[in-house]
PDB file of N, CA and C in Angstrom:
ATOM      1  N   MET A   1      47.597 -37.738   8.877  1.00  0.00           N
ATOM      2  CA  MET A   1      49.139 -37.337   9.338  1.00  0.00           C
ATOM      3  C   MET A   1      49.975 -37.836  10.220  1.00  0.00           C
ATOM      4  N   ALA A   2      51.367 -37.857   9.419  1.00  0.00           N
ATOM      5  CA  ALA A   2      52.518 -38.540   9.898  1.00  0.00           C
ATOM      6  C   ALA A   2      53.044 -38.024  11.298  1.00  0.00           C
ATOM      7  N   ILE A   3      52.966 -39.045  12.371  1.00  0.00           N
ATOM      8  CA  ILE A   3      53.808 -38.708  13.319  1.00  0.00           C
ATOM      9  C   ILE A   3      55.219 -38.817  13.245  1.00  0.00           C
ATOM     10  N   LYS A   4      55.909 -37.662  13.889  1.00  0.00           N
ATOM     11  CA  LYS A   4      57.114 -37.361  13.943  1.00  0.00           C
ATOM     12  C   LYS A   4      57.800 -37.954  15.231  1.00  0.00           C
ATOM     13  N   GLY A   5      58.645 -38.921  14.525  1.00  0.00           N
ATOM     14  CA  GLY A   5      59.594 -39.686  15.669  1.00  0.00           C
ATOM     15  C   GLY A   5      60.779 -38.737  16.297  1.00  0.00           C
ATOM     16  N   LEU A   6      61.099 -39.011  17.184  1.00  0.00           N
ATOM     17  CA  LEU A   6      62.299 -38.306  17.836  1.00  0.00           C
ATOM     18  C   LEU A   6      63.991 -38.897  17.118  1.00  0.00           C
ATOM     19  N   THR A   7      64.647 -38.363  16.881  1.00  0.00           N
ATOM     20  CA  THR A   7      65.910 -38.795  16.358  1.00  0.00           C
ATOM     21  C   THR A   7      66.674 -39.317  17.344  1.00  0.00           C
ATOM     22  N   THR A   8      67.827 -40.018  16.853  1.00  0.00           N
ATOM     23  CA  THR A   8      68.540 -40.802  18.203  1.00  0.00           C
ATOM     24  C   THR A   8      69.264 -39.656  18.969  1.00  0.00           C
ATOM     25  N   GLU A   9      69.616 -38.921  18.426  1.00  0.00           N
ATOM     26  CA  GLU A   9      70.432 -37.538  19.279  1.00  0.00           C
ATOM     27  C   GLU A   9      69.151 -37.317  20.253  1.00  0.00           C
ATOM     28  N   GLU A  10      68.225 -37.020  20.232  1.00  0.00           N
ATOM     29  CA  GLU A  10      67.087 -36.537  20.862  1.00  0.00           C
ATOM     30  C   GLU A  10      66.841 -37.487  22.185  1.00  0.00           C
ATOM     31  N   ILE A  11      66.904 -38.744  21.628  1.00  0.00           N
ATOM     32  CA  ILE A  11      66.513 -39.868  22.601  1.00  0.00           C
ATOM     33  C   ILE A  11      67.484 -39.765  23.585  1.00  0.00           C
ATOM     34  N   LEU A  12      68.837 -40.058  23.217  1.00  0.00           N
ATOM     35  CA  LEU A  12      70.067 -39.867  23.679  1.00  0.00           C
ATOM     36  C   LEU A  12      69.934 -38.663  24.787  1.00  0.00           C
ATOM     37  N   ALA A  13      69.516 -37.511  24.442  1.00  0.00           N
ATOM     38  CA  ALA A  13      69.065 -36.262  25.433  1.00  0.00           C
ATOM     39  C   ALA A  13      68.241 -36.403  26.476  1.00  0.00           C
ATOM     40  N   LEU A  14      66.904 -37.295  26.475  1.00  0.00           N
ATOM     41  CA  LEU A  14      66.068 -37.428  27.035  1.00  0.00           C
ATOM     42  C   LEU A  14      66.711 -37.653  28.873  1.00  0.00           C
ATOM     43  N   ASP A  15      65.440 -37.271  29.594  1.00  0.00           N
ATOM     44  CA  ASP A  15      65.964 -37.441  31.031  1.00  0.00           C
ATOM     45  C   ASP A  15      65.826 -38.977  31.480  1.00  0.00           C
ATOM     46  N   ALA A  16      66.351 -39.474  32.335  1.00  0.00           N
ATOM     47  CA  ALA A  16      66.260 -40.728  32.883  1.00  0.00           C
ATOM     48  C   ALA A  16      64.994 -41.415  33.074  1.00  0.00           C
ATOM     49  N   VAL A  17      64.111 -40.621  33.158  1.00  0.00           N
ATOM     50  CA  VAL A  17      62.595 -41.041  32.992  1.00  0.00           C
ATOM     51  C   VAL A  17      61.642 -39.970  32.221  1.00  0.00           C
ATOM     52  N   VAL A  18      60.596 -40.486  31.465  1.00  0.00           N
ATOM     53  CA  VAL A  18      60.135 -39.789  30.600  1.00  0.00           C
ATOM     54  C   VAL A  18      58.308 -39.889  30.904  1.00  0.00           C
ATOM     55  N   ASP A  19      57.894 -38.870  30.272  1.00  0.00           N
ATOM     56  CA  ASP A  19      56.187 -39.303  30.546  1.00  0.00           C
ATOM     57  C   ASP A  19      55.713 -40.098  29.104  1.00  0.00           C
ATOM     58  N   ILE A  20      54.473 -40.438  28.914  1.00  0.00           N
ATOM     59  CA  ILE A  20      53.979 -41.299  28.192  1.00  0.00           C
ATOM     60  C   ILE A  20      53.986 -40.723  26.570  1.00  0.00           C
ATOM     61  N   PRO A  21      53.491 -39.456  26.505  1.00  0.00           N
ATOM     62  CA  PRO A  21      53.675 -38.834  25.117  1.00  0.00           C
ATOM     63  C   PRO A  21      55.194 -38.663  24.620  1.00  0.00           C
ATOM     64  N   THR A  22      56.228 -38.380  25.415  1.00  0.00           N
ATOM     65  CA  THR A  22      57.379 -38.560  24.930  1.00  0.00           C
ATOM     66  C   THR A  22      58.057 -39.766  24.633  1.00  0.00           C
ATOM     67  N   ALA A  23      57.599 -40.913  25.206  1.00  0.00           N
ATOM     68  CA  ALA A  23      58.340 -42.135  25.117  1.00  0.00           C
ATOM     69  C   ALA A  23      57.449 -42.598  23.783  1.00  0.00           C
ATOM     70  N   GLY A  24      56.345 -42.212  23.547  1.00  0.00           N
ATOM     71  CA  GLY A  24      55.731 -42.620  22.314  1.00  0.00           C
ATOM     72  C   GLY A  24      55.869 -42.062  21.229  1.00  0.00           C
ATOM     73  N   LYS A  25      56.652 -40.678  21.116  1.00  0.00           N
ATOM     74  CA  LYS A  25      57.176 -40.239  20.244  1.00  0.00           C
ATOM     75  C   LYS A  25      58.458 -40.765  19.885  1.00  0.00           C
ATOM     76  N   CYS A  26      59.157 -41.588  20.515  1.00  0.00           N
ATOM     77  CA  CYS A  26      60.285 -42.614  20.271  1.00  0.00           C
ATOM     78  C   CYS A  26      59.799 -43.505  19.420  1.00  0.00           C
ATOM     79  N   PHE A  27      58.686 -43.905  19.613  1.00  0.00           N
ATOM     80  CA  PHE A  27      58.317 -45.083  18.912  1.00  0.00           C
ATOM     81  C   PHE A  27      57.099 -44.674  17.475  1.00  0.00           C
ATOM     82  N   LYS A  28      57.271 -43.197  17.053  1.00  0.00           N
ATOM     83  CA  LYS A  28      56.429 -42.572  16.336  1.00  0.00           C
ATOM     84  C   LYS A  28      54.990 -43.125  16.333  1.00  0.00           C
ATOM     85  N   MET A  29      54.581 -42.910  17.632  1.00  0.00           N
ATOM     86  CA  MET A  29      53.333 -42.854  17.616  1.00  0.00           C
ATOM     87  C   MET A  29      52.869 -41.522  18.657  1.00  0.00           C
ATOM     88  N   GLY A  30      51.409 -41.396  18.397  1.00  0.00           N
ATOM     89  CA  GLY A  30      50.889 -40.290  18.917  1.00  0.00           C
ATOM     90  C   GLY A  30      50.637 -40.327  20.439  1.00  0.00           C
ATOM     91  N   ARG A  31      50.087 -39.334  21.270  1.00  0.00           N
ATOM     92  CA  ARG A  31      50.031 -39.338  22.399  1.00  0.00           C
ATOM     93  C   ARG A  31      48.542 -40.081  22.804  1.00  0.00           C
ATOM     94  N   SER A  32      47.499 -40.606  22.111  1.00  0.00           N
ATOM     95  CA  SER A  32      46.566 -41.195  22.215  1.00  0.00           C
ATOM     96  C   SER A  32      46.719 -42.401  22.111  1.00  0.00           C
ATOM     97  N   LYS A  33      47.416 -42.880  21.269  1.00  0.00           N
ATOM     98  CA  LYS A  33      47.862 -44.579  21.014  1.00  0.00           C
ATOM     99  C   LYS A  33      48.773 -44.681  21.910  1.00  0.00           C
ATOM    100  N   ALA A  34      49.848 -43.862  22.403  1.00  0.00           N
ATOM    101  CA  ALA A  34      50.481 -44.228  23.521  1.00  0.00           C
ATOM    102  C   ALA A  34      49.769 -44.421  24.919  1.00  0.00           C
ATOM    103  N   TYR A  35      49.245 -43.685  25.088  1.00  0.00           N
ATOM    104  CA  TYR A  35      48.423 -43.766  26.413  1.00  0.00           C
ATOM    105  C   TYR A  35      47.341 -44.995  26.195  1.00  0.00           C
ATOM    106  N   GLU A  36      46.623 -45.511  25.131  1.00  0.00           N
ATOM    107  CA  GLU A  36      45.854 -46.875  25.108  1.00  0.00           C
ATOM    108  C   GLU A  36      46.855 -47.537  25.195  1.00  0.00           C
ATOM    109  N   LEU A  37      47.902 -47.813  24.444  1.00  0.00           N
ATOM    110  CA  LEU A  37      48.840 -49.129  24.624  1.00  0.00           C
ATOM    111  C   LEU A  37      49.234 -49.211  26.285  1.00  0.00           C
ATOM    112  N   ALA A  38      49.898 -48.028  26.761  1.00  0.00           N
ATOM    113  CA  ALA A  38      50.096 -48.001  28.132  1.00  0.00           C
ATOM    114  C   ALA A  38      49.215 -48.274  28.946  1.00  0.00           C
ATOM    115  N   ARG A  39      47.772 -48.066  28.867  1.00  0.00           N
ATOM    116  CA  ARG A  39      46.779 -48.746  29.618  1.00  0.00           C
ATOM    117  C   ARG A  39      46.782 -50.269  29.640  1.00  0.00           C
ATOM    118  N   SER A  40      46.630 -50.607  28.119  1.00  0.00           N
ATOM    119  CA  SER A  40      46.596 -52.008  27.833  1.00  0.00           C
ATOM    120  C   SER A  40      47.480 -53.154  28.397  1.00  0.00           C
ATOM    121  N   GLY A  41      48.583 -52.495  28.669  1.00  0.00           N
ATOM    122  CA  GLY A  41      49.628 -52.706  28.921  1.00  0.00           C
ATOM    123  C   GLY A  41      50.370 -53.872  27.755  1.00  0.00           C
ATOM    124  N   GLN A  42      50.527 -52.873  26.783  1.00  0.00           N
ATOM    125  CA  GLN A  42      51.010 -53.318  25.137  1.00  0.00           C
ATOM    126  C   GLN A  42      51.932 -52.454  24.778  1.00  0.00           C
ATOM    127  N   PHE A  43      52.208 -51.268  25.847  1.00  0.00           N
ATOM    128  CA  PHE A  43      53.469 -50.571  25.406  1.00  0.00           C
ATOM    129  C   PHE A  43      55.040 -51.326  24.822  1.00  0.00           C
ATOM    130  N   PRO A  44      55.688 -50.867  24.059  1.00  0.00           N
ATOM    131  CA  PRO A  44      56.639 -51.176  23.404  1.00  0.00           C
ATOM    132  C   PRO A  44      57.860 -51.641  24.784  1.00  0.00           C
ATOM    133  N   VAL A  45      57.822 -50.766  25.979  1.00  0.00           N
ATOM    134  CA  VAL A  45      58.599 -51.114  27.006  1.00  0.00           C
ATOM    135  C   VAL A  45      58.057 -51.277  28.051  1.00  0.00           C
ATOM    136  N   PRO A  46      58.398 -51.425  29.319  1.00  0.00           N
ATOM    137  CA  PRO A  46      57.459 -51.268  30.619  1.00  0.00           C
ATOM    138  C   PRO A  46      57.344 -50.350  31.020  1.00  0.00           C
ATOM    139  N   VAL A  47      56.031 -50.104  31.530  1.00  0.00           N
ATOM    140  CA  VAL A  47      55.988 -48.538  32.154  1.00  0.00           C
ATOM    141  C   VAL A  47      55.553 -48.290  33.923  1.00  0.00           C
ATOM    142  N   LEU A  48      55.883 -47.204  34.255  1.00  0.00           N
ATOM    143  CA  LEU A  48      56.073 -47.244  35.730  1.00  0.00           C
ATOM    144  C   LEU A  48      55.242 -46.359  36.321  1.00  0.00           C
ATOM    145  N   PRO A  49      53.773 -47.293  36.864  1.00  0.00           N
ATOM    146  CA  PRO A  49      53.448 -46.308  37.278  1.00  0.00           C
ATOM    147  C   PRO A  49      53.569 -45.158  38.871  1.00  0.00           C
ATOM    148  N   LEU A  50      53.539 -44.000  38.809  1.00  0.00           N
ATOM    149  CA  LEU A  50      54.188 -43.561  39.862  1.00  0.00           C
ATOM    150  C   LEU A  50      53.053 -42.509  40.556  1.00  0.00           C
ATOM    151  N   GLY A  51      51.928 -42.956  41.199  1.00  0.00           N
ATOM    152  CA  GLY A  51      50.838 -42.222  41.518  1.00  0.00           C
ATOM    153  C   GLY A  51      49.696 -42.019  40.461  1.00  0.00           C
ATOM    154  N   LYS A  52      49.445 -41.055  40.284  1.00  0.00           N
ATOM    155  CA  LYS A  52      48.549 -40.640  39.172  1.00  0.00           C
ATOM    156  C   LYS A  52      49.283 -40.800  37.635  1.00  0.00           C
ATOM    157  N   GLU A  53      50.689 -40.393  37.748  1.00  0.00           N
ATOM    158  CA  GLU A  53      51.361 -40.247  36.471  1.00  0.00           C
ATOM    159  C   GLU A  53      51.778 -41.663  36.138  1.00  0.00           C
ATOM    160  N   VAL A  54      52.522 -41.941  34.952  1.00  0.00           N
ATOM    161  CA  VAL A  54      53.150 -43.330  34.211  1.00  0.00           C
ATOM    162  C   VAL A  54      54.075 -42.501  33.749  1.00  0.00           C
ATOM    163  N   ARG A  55      55.290 -43.257  33.872  1.00  0.00           N
ATOM    164  CA  ARG A  55      56.394 -42.907  33.266  1.00  0.00           C
ATOM    165  C   ARG A  55      57.269 -43.949  32.561  1.00  0.00           C
ATOM    166  N   VAL A  56      58.155 -43.713  31.609  1.00  0.00           N
ATOM    167  CA  VAL A  56      58.740 -44.705  31.195  1.00  0.00           C
ATOM    168  C   VAL A  56      60.477 -44.322  31.385  1.00  0.00           C
ATOM    169  N   THR A  57      61.207 -45.121  31.326  1.00  0.00           N
ATOM    170  CA  THR A  57      62.907 -45.165  31.837  1.00  0.00           C
ATOM    171  C   THR A  57      63.642 -45.046  29.792  1.00  0.00           C
ATOM    172  N   ARG A  58      64.357 -44.223  29.912  1.00  0.00           N
ATOM    173  CA  ARG A  58      65.009 -43.837  28.939  1.00  0.00           C
ATOM    174  C   ARG A  58      66.043 -45.109  28.658  1.00  0.00           C
ATOM    175  N   ALA A  59      66.621 -45.783  29.568  1.00  0.00           N
ATOM    176  CA  ALA A  59      67.368 -46.941  29.737  1.00  0.00           C
ATOM    177  C   ALA A  59      66.151 -48.130  28.579  1.00  0.00           C
ATOM    178  N   ALA A  60      65.066 -47.831  29.156  1.00  0.00           N
ATOM    179  CA  ALA A  60      64.121 -49.585  28.275  1.00  0.00           C
ATOM    180  C   ALA A  60      64.040 -48.717  26.874  1.00  0.00           C
ATOM    181  N   ILE A  61      63.666 -47.682  26.745  1.00  0.00           N
ATOM    182  CA  ILE A  61      63.780 -47.050  25.176  1.00  0.00           C
ATOM    183  C   ILE A  61      64.944 -47.451  24.519  1.00  0.00           C
ATOM    184  N   LEU A  62      65.841 -47.112  24.985  1.00  0.00           N
ATOM    185  CA  LEU A  62      67.287 -47.248  24.078  1.00  0.00           C
ATOM    186  C   LEU A  62      67.246 -48.501  23.966  1.00  0.00           C
ATOM    187  N   ALA A  63      67.068 -49.569  25.040  1.00  0.00           N
ATOM    188  CA  ALA A  63      67.569 -51.054  24.980  1.00  0.00           C
ATOM    189  C   ALA A  63      66.358 -51.581  23.892  1.00  0.00           C
ATOM    190  N   CYS A  64      65.335 -51.220  23.929  1.00  0.00           N
ATOM    191  CA  CYS A  64      64.405 -51.977  22.949  1.00  0.00           C
ATOM    192  C   CYS A  64      64.284 -51.257  21.171  1.00  0.00           C
ATOM    193  N   LEU A  65      64.884 -50.232  21.382  1.00  0.00           N
ATOM    194  CA  LEU A  65      65.141 -49.410  19.524  1.00  0.00           C
ATOM    195  C   LEU A  65      66.811 -49.931  19.626  1.00  0.00           C
ATOM    196  N   GLY A  66      67.475 -50.501  20.285  1.00  0.00           N
ATOM    197  CA  GLY A  66      69.035 -51.148  20.047  1.00  0.00           C
ATOM    198  C   GLY A  66      70.205 -49.948  19.712  1.00  0.00           C
ATOM    199  N   ILE A  67      69.797 -48.887  20.514  1.00  0.00           N
ATOM    200  CA  ILE A  67      70.221 -47.413  20.844  1.00  0.00           C
ATOM    201  C   ILE A  67      71.654 -47.917  21.727  1.00  0.00           C
ATOM    202  N   GLU A  68      72.760 -47.813  21.301  1.00  0.00           N
ATOM    203  CA  GLU A  68      74.105 -47.604  22.692  1.00  0.00           C
ATOM    204  C   GLU A  68      73.941 -46.770  23.323  1.00  0.00           C
ATOM    205  N   ASP A  69      73.772 -46.463  24.592  1.00  0.00           N
ATOM    206  CA  ASP A  69      74.272 -45.028  25.605  1.00  0.00           C
ATOM    207  C   ASP A  69      75.199 -44.989  25.476  1.00  0.00           C
ATOM    208  N   THR A  70      75.646 -43.780  24.901  1.00  0.00           N
ATOM    209  CA  THR A  70      76.885 -42.875  24.901  1.00  0.00           C
ATOM    210  C   THR A  70      77.160 -41.819  26.523  1.00  0.00           C
ATOM    211  N   PRO A  71      77.912 -41.861  26.291  1.00  0.00           N
ATOM    212  CA  PRO A  71      78.312 -40.838  27.779  1.00  0.00           C
ATOM    213  C   PRO A  71      78.235 -39.463  27.097  1.00  0.00           C
ATOM    214  N   ALA A  72      77.767 -38.357  28.018  1.00  0.00           N
ATOM    215  CA  ALA A  72      77.632 -36.959  27.521  1.00  0.00           C
ATOM    216  C   ALA A  72      78.909 -36.511  27.331  1.00  0.00           C
TER     217      ALA A  72
END
């Protein structure tokens, strides 16, 4: 089963901080793989532990993917 990634437009429309499954979709990975990489410290961008939650910034995703942030 192929994982559907997000388009550039969808990534640009993300909130400033997103959850791991959403961030994983930006890199065309499923939920389980995204959490596995986040737990092992191998996620493509830094993860932010916020209490019981783990988040990723949109800015880090954009930088990693080489997408220029454009004003809305």
